Protein backbone atom coordinates (compact mmCIF):
# COMPACT_ATOMS: atom_id res chain seq x y z
CA UNK A 1 95.02 141.35 122.58
CA UNK A 2 97.11 138.17 122.81
CA UNK A 3 100.50 137.50 121.30
CA UNK A 4 100.89 137.90 117.56
CA UNK A 5 101.00 134.63 115.63
CA UNK A 6 104.37 133.71 114.14
CA UNK A 7 104.99 133.38 110.42
CA UNK A 8 102.99 130.46 108.99
CA UNK A 9 104.76 127.88 106.78
CA UNK A 10 103.19 124.83 105.14
CA UNK A 11 105.07 121.68 104.25
CA UNK A 12 103.56 119.36 101.64
CA UNK A 13 105.64 116.21 102.12
CA UNK A 14 105.86 112.62 103.18
CA UNK A 15 106.14 111.38 106.75
CA UNK A 16 109.40 109.84 107.99
CA UNK A 17 108.59 107.50 110.87
CA UNK A 18 112.20 107.80 112.09
CA UNK A 19 111.82 111.58 112.50
CA UNK A 20 114.97 112.59 110.66
CA UNK A 21 113.63 113.75 107.30
CA UNK A 22 110.30 114.48 105.63
CA UNK A 23 107.64 116.57 107.25
CA UNK A 24 109.01 115.78 110.73
CA UNK A 25 112.29 117.47 109.79
CA UNK A 26 110.39 120.32 108.22
CA UNK A 27 108.25 121.02 111.28
CA UNK A 28 111.26 120.86 113.61
CA UNK A 29 113.12 123.30 111.39
CA UNK A 30 110.21 125.75 111.26
CA UNK A 31 109.88 125.70 115.04
CA UNK A 32 113.64 126.20 115.50
CA UNK A 33 113.54 129.27 113.24
CA UNK A 34 110.52 130.89 114.86
CA UNK A 35 107.82 129.95 112.37
CA UNK A 36 104.56 128.05 112.86
CA UNK A 37 104.76 124.87 110.82
CA UNK A 38 101.71 123.14 109.26
CA UNK A 39 101.55 120.03 107.12
CA UNK A 40 99.87 118.26 104.24
CA UNK A 41 100.86 114.61 104.45
CA UNK A 42 101.36 113.19 100.96
CA UNK A 43 102.66 109.75 101.89
CA UNK A 44 103.51 107.66 104.91
CA UNK A 45 106.84 105.85 104.98
CA UNK A 46 108.13 103.18 107.31
CA UNK A 47 111.78 104.07 107.65
CA UNK A 48 114.60 104.22 110.13
CA UNK A 49 118.31 104.87 110.16
CA UNK A 50 118.89 101.93 107.79
CA UNK A 51 116.46 102.82 105.02
CA UNK A 52 112.87 102.86 103.78
CA UNK A 53 110.92 99.68 104.48
CA UNK A 54 107.71 100.74 102.78
CA UNK A 55 105.76 103.74 101.52
CA UNK A 56 102.02 104.37 101.14
CA UNK A 57 100.63 107.35 99.24
CA UNK A 58 97.56 109.14 100.59
CA UNK A 59 94.50 109.43 98.33
CA UNK A 60 93.84 112.58 96.33
CA UNK A 61 90.90 113.67 98.47
CA UNK A 62 92.98 113.45 101.64
CA UNK A 63 95.70 115.69 100.18
CA UNK A 64 93.14 118.23 98.93
CA UNK A 65 91.23 118.23 102.24
CA UNK A 66 94.36 118.85 104.30
CA UNK A 67 95.50 121.63 101.98
CA UNK A 68 92.20 123.51 102.01
CA UNK A 69 91.72 122.99 105.72
CA UNK A 70 94.95 124.90 106.37
CA UNK A 71 94.94 127.46 103.57
CA UNK A 72 91.28 128.45 103.76
CA UNK A 73 91.25 129.03 107.53
CA UNK A 74 94.75 129.69 108.83
CA UNK A 75 96.49 130.91 105.70
CA UNK A 76 100.15 130.48 104.75
CA UNK A 77 103.07 132.79 104.08
CA UNK A 78 105.32 130.21 102.42
CA UNK A 79 105.08 126.62 101.21
CA UNK A 80 107.70 123.90 100.93
CA UNK A 81 107.16 120.74 98.88
CA UNK A 82 108.94 117.44 99.48
CA UNK A 83 108.13 113.84 98.63
CA UNK A 84 105.58 113.63 95.77
CA UNK A 85 106.02 110.03 94.78
CA UNK A 86 103.60 109.56 91.85
CA UNK A 87 102.51 111.57 88.83
CA UNK A 88 98.86 111.95 90.00
CA UNK A 89 100.01 113.15 93.43
CA UNK A 90 102.52 115.62 91.94
CA UNK A 91 99.78 116.89 89.57
CA UNK A 92 97.37 117.41 92.46
CA UNK A 93 99.91 119.38 94.43
CA UNK A 94 100.84 121.47 91.35
CA UNK A 95 97.16 122.30 90.83
CA UNK A 96 96.67 123.33 94.45
CA UNK A 97 99.82 125.45 94.56
CA UNK A 98 98.96 127.02 91.20
CA UNK A 99 95.70 128.30 92.64
CA UNK A 100 97.43 129.57 95.77
CA UNK A 101 100.27 131.38 94.02
CA UNK A 102 97.89 132.91 91.46
CA UNK A 103 95.58 134.30 94.14
CA UNK A 104 98.05 135.26 96.86
CA UNK A 105 101.61 135.21 95.42
CA UNK A 106 102.80 132.92 98.26
CA UNK A 107 106.48 131.93 97.83
CA UNK A 108 107.04 128.23 97.15
CA UNK A 109 110.21 126.20 97.75
CA UNK A 110 110.32 123.03 95.65
CA UNK A 111 112.62 120.27 96.89
CA UNK A 112 112.45 117.69 94.07
CA UNK A 113 113.08 114.71 96.31
CA UNK A 114 113.87 111.74 94.13
CA UNK A 115 115.96 109.38 96.31
CA UNK A 116 116.31 108.97 100.04
CA UNK A 117 119.61 109.36 101.93
CA UNK A 118 119.90 105.56 101.83
CA UNK A 119 119.38 105.33 98.05
CA UNK A 120 115.68 104.33 98.11
CA UNK A 121 113.68 105.76 95.16
CA UNK A 122 110.96 108.22 96.23
CA UNK A 123 109.80 109.57 92.84
CA UNK A 124 108.62 107.68 89.77
CA UNK A 125 109.80 108.63 86.26
CA UNK A 126 106.29 109.86 85.40
CA UNK A 127 106.20 111.99 88.58
CA UNK A 128 109.56 113.49 87.70
CA UNK A 129 108.08 114.78 84.44
CA UNK A 130 105.17 116.42 86.31
CA UNK A 131 107.62 118.03 88.73
CA UNK A 132 109.64 119.31 85.78
CA UNK A 133 106.75 120.69 83.74
CA UNK A 134 104.12 121.72 86.29
CA UNK A 135 105.75 122.22 89.68
CA UNK A 136 109.07 123.88 88.90
CA UNK A 137 107.31 126.76 87.06
CA UNK A 138 105.57 127.60 90.37
CA UNK A 139 108.75 127.62 92.45
CA UNK A 140 110.22 130.73 93.99
CA UNK A 141 113.28 128.62 94.78
CA UNK A 142 114.01 125.08 93.50
CA UNK A 143 116.59 123.15 95.52
CA UNK A 144 117.89 120.13 93.56
CA UNK A 145 121.05 118.31 94.58
CA UNK A 146 123.36 117.11 91.83
CA UNK A 147 121.68 113.73 91.41
CA UNK A 148 118.33 115.48 91.04
CA UNK A 149 119.84 117.94 88.55
CA UNK A 150 120.92 114.98 86.43
CA UNK A 151 117.43 113.46 86.58
CA UNK A 152 115.67 116.74 85.83
CA UNK A 153 117.98 118.07 83.12
CA UNK A 154 120.37 115.32 82.03
CA UNK A 155 123.34 117.46 83.08
CA UNK A 156 126.03 115.69 85.11
CA UNK A 157 127.95 118.15 87.29
CA UNK A 158 131.52 117.23 88.24
CA UNK A 159 132.95 120.62 89.24
CA UNK A 160 131.94 124.11 90.30
CA UNK A 161 131.81 125.63 86.78
CA UNK A 162 129.34 122.88 85.88
CA UNK A 163 126.99 124.21 88.53
CA UNK A 164 126.38 127.29 86.37
CA UNK A 165 125.19 125.15 83.48
CA UNK A 166 123.02 123.18 85.88
CA UNK A 167 121.42 126.35 87.24
CA UNK A 168 120.67 127.58 83.73
CA UNK A 169 119.08 124.27 82.78
CA UNK A 170 116.90 124.16 85.92
CA UNK A 171 115.88 127.77 85.39
CA UNK A 172 114.81 126.75 81.91
CA UNK A 173 111.92 124.88 83.53
CA UNK A 174 110.52 128.02 85.10
CA UNK A 175 111.50 128.60 88.73
CA UNK A 176 112.44 132.18 89.71
CA UNK A 177 115.61 130.99 91.45
CA UNK A 178 117.56 127.71 91.25
CA UNK A 179 119.71 126.59 94.18
CA UNK A 180 122.17 123.98 92.96
CA UNK A 181 123.44 122.07 95.97
CA UNK A 182 127.05 120.97 95.51
CA UNK A 183 127.35 118.71 98.49
CA UNK A 184 128.04 115.71 96.24
CA UNK A 185 131.02 117.30 94.51
CA UNK A 186 134.44 115.77 95.16
CA UNK A 187 135.55 116.90 98.63
CA UNK A 188 137.34 120.23 98.47
CA UNK A 189 137.06 120.93 102.17
CA UNK A 190 133.97 123.06 101.59
CA UNK A 191 130.33 122.44 100.73
CA UNK A 192 129.47 124.79 97.87
CA UNK A 193 125.99 125.85 96.72
CA UNK A 194 125.02 128.19 93.85
CA UNK A 195 121.85 130.30 93.78
CA UNK A 196 120.97 131.93 90.48
CA UNK A 197 118.00 133.63 88.85
CA UNK A 198 119.80 133.93 85.47
CA UNK A 199 121.04 137.43 86.26
CA UNK A 200 122.34 137.32 89.86
CA UNK A 201 124.69 134.65 91.16
CA UNK A 202 125.25 133.94 94.86
CA UNK A 203 127.79 131.36 95.99
CA UNK A 204 127.59 129.90 99.49
CA UNK A 205 130.53 128.08 101.02
CA UNK A 206 130.66 126.32 104.35
CA UNK A 207 133.17 123.95 105.93
CA UNK A 208 132.54 120.26 105.50
CA UNK A 209 132.09 118.40 108.78
CA UNK A 210 133.39 114.89 109.29
CA UNK A 211 130.01 113.53 110.41
CA UNK A 212 128.14 110.73 108.63
CA UNK A 213 124.88 111.52 110.42
CA UNK A 214 123.28 113.75 107.77
CA UNK A 215 119.81 112.25 107.33
CA UNK A 216 117.31 115.00 106.50
CA UNK A 217 119.78 117.57 105.19
CA UNK A 218 117.89 118.42 101.98
CA UNK A 219 114.46 118.60 103.67
CA UNK A 220 115.88 120.77 106.42
CA UNK A 221 117.52 123.20 104.04
CA UNK A 222 114.36 123.66 101.94
CA UNK A 223 112.19 124.08 105.05
CA UNK A 224 114.63 126.65 106.43
CA UNK A 225 114.54 128.62 103.19
CA UNK A 226 110.72 128.59 103.22
CA UNK A 227 110.76 129.74 106.87
CA UNK A 228 113.07 132.66 106.13
CA UNK A 229 111.00 133.65 103.06
CA UNK A 230 107.89 133.66 105.28
CA UNK A 231 109.81 135.88 107.72
CA UNK A 232 110.29 138.45 104.95
CA UNK A 233 113.78 137.78 103.57
CA UNK A 234 114.61 137.88 99.85
CA UNK A 235 115.74 134.55 98.40
CA UNK A 236 119.53 135.29 98.51
CA UNK A 237 119.33 136.25 102.21
CA UNK A 238 116.93 133.37 102.99
CA UNK A 239 119.30 130.86 101.40
CA UNK A 240 122.32 132.27 103.25
CA UNK A 241 120.56 132.11 106.61
CA UNK A 242 119.24 128.63 105.88
CA UNK A 243 122.68 127.40 104.87
CA UNK A 244 124.10 128.72 108.17
CA UNK A 245 121.39 126.86 110.13
CA UNK A 246 121.86 123.61 108.22
CA UNK A 247 125.64 123.71 108.55
CA UNK A 248 125.26 123.84 112.32
CA UNK A 249 122.67 121.06 112.25
CA UNK A 250 125.04 118.85 110.25
CA UNK A 251 127.93 119.51 112.61
CA UNK A 252 125.69 118.46 115.50
CA UNK A 253 124.18 115.41 113.77
CA UNK A 254 124.00 112.45 116.08
CA UNK A 255 123.97 108.65 115.95
CA UNK A 256 120.50 107.10 116.09
CA UNK A 257 119.90 103.46 115.44
CA UNK A 258 122.35 101.28 113.54
CA UNK A 259 122.66 103.38 110.37
CA UNK A 260 122.76 107.04 109.38
CA UNK A 261 121.51 109.38 112.08
CA UNK A 262 119.77 112.74 111.59
CA UNK A 263 121.02 116.27 111.64
CA UNK A 264 120.25 118.08 114.88
CA UNK A 265 117.40 120.51 114.28
CA UNK A 266 117.63 121.86 117.78
CA UNK A 267 121.36 122.52 117.82
CA UNK A 268 120.99 126.20 118.64
CA UNK A 269 118.96 125.40 121.72
CA UNK A 270 121.15 122.70 123.23
């Protein structure tokens, strides 16, 4: 017999031609953490360190064909979703994941990507409603940042106590766990995240690093959580391990091009 296959993780996300975020970041993260990454491309973007120059969504049949090609033959042990720009695309992905979770109970990490690092919109208002009503109820872990919390729930978080209210509001849409990412809070010297399922609370604190090259942080964190779930960890442990990995990647982020560079997905192997 040959070597045993590693844990299998599927990313359903858009492509970042600059390689810092999107499915490229996801696949690098999965490899770095010992998982086998697979992908369903939802959209193609033309972007670099300065921003998104254009985006083109793939047709429904292409998304469905990619998904079934992977799931029906190879199988998956965790799924991470990223850029789902339009309502029809978000609805298609919700339908596919609903079938998968119902049949197999595969954990799903939903990263409700709404805006790029450079401020470019990546999710329409109509798609946001589909994410809220159809995708979040399928999530094992939802990972909104504070801007996405405001868009999903209307709650504006300005301090750590406000993160509890945000978690409760996100959980109201159905995910098993909500990870509220506090990276946009006023600088306290630490980056603070809150994971809650409505009964348990887990706070994660890490030092802030004086490094502007943070492109891909959210994608990387969600992909890392999915990888650790596929490797058998419970959500609180998966988030803690993912946070440790992302903190190191942020510290090692490097300049690339004339704008914001990416985090370093291979920092542990340098």
